[in-house]
């Protein structure tokens, strides 16, 4: 039977913490690199903002490896604050607390905070070892193997994500045409609005309007900003007072009265219009699955999308329930968000038959 000596036991916290702290760092590396390409590519220097969580978690880990007691307390405080913030944010967005919710966030929240305890123990045992005459190995690699693991494995993850996304990014097409576009195929023939108030109208807060704001546009006083007016808007509100109804035929001019030329597209219409390199992707949606079924994997390309703008999701007319509306990603994912939620990633585009 294997028995651990006292010196062996004293090294366990240091060995275990290297493995445990690498998990959240690697997960943030994967998330940051993947989102950098999926959401951020083509939007300038803000693209690299997605790597900030990875950089911060790696910095915390490296500091703790160098100064275990100080770094351990730093990780406990930072991890606890981040955990509370994330849980409050997700609950505010309507997420239900469950084991699935807890486990999905555990590796990058609670686990990160718990590693701080192991770092503090490692600091205590390291001082004991040094007092007993222990000295670091002469070899640089052996002396820094912990830092090499914590920084090296996540870096390999980032490189893997880069290699996966590069073919898509390098072949993405943008013809630069932001005018009204007639897009036909897959049973749909629609004119999509040109650049202006009918397509990704960016608001003063730096993001794009919520589903509510678009639907309540025509409610007096006419304009955006009525996000919380009378609770949540409905499909009927979108049809009667929605922004698209006030667009003139040119798709650029906003009229004082609704003209009902333009309207909001449905999930089915957006999905069926998705394309790759100018060819319809042949996508359809069964009304329940999180992903459309496509013959080709669509991409964020013209004429439907603006590759140089932030939105990677497009609001649709359909409601998931009284408080949430559906959106479609450029890759054919279908999800829902609260109607009163606007951000830099959810755009919209009016259409007419």
Foldseek 3Di string as FASTA:
>chain_A
DDDDDPLRVLCVLVVVLLVLLLQLLLVLLLQLLLCLLQFNPQQPPCSNVSCVLNVVSLVLVVVCVVQLLVSLVVQLVVLAVVQVVVVVVCVVQPDDDDPVVCVVCCSNHVSSNVSSVSSNSNNVSVVVCVVVPDDADPDPCSNCVSSCSSPVVSVVSSVVSCVVCVVVVVQAAEPPFQQWDFFDDLPDTWTWAGPAPQWQPADPVGWGAFLQQQLQQQPPVHHGDCLCPPHFDALVSQQARGQQQQADPRRHDGHNHGPSQKGFAALQNVQQRFDAPSHGQNWGDPVDDQFTDTNHFGDQYPPVHHVNFRAQKEWGSAAPDRFWGWIAGSRGGIDIGGRSDIGHHYMYIIIGD
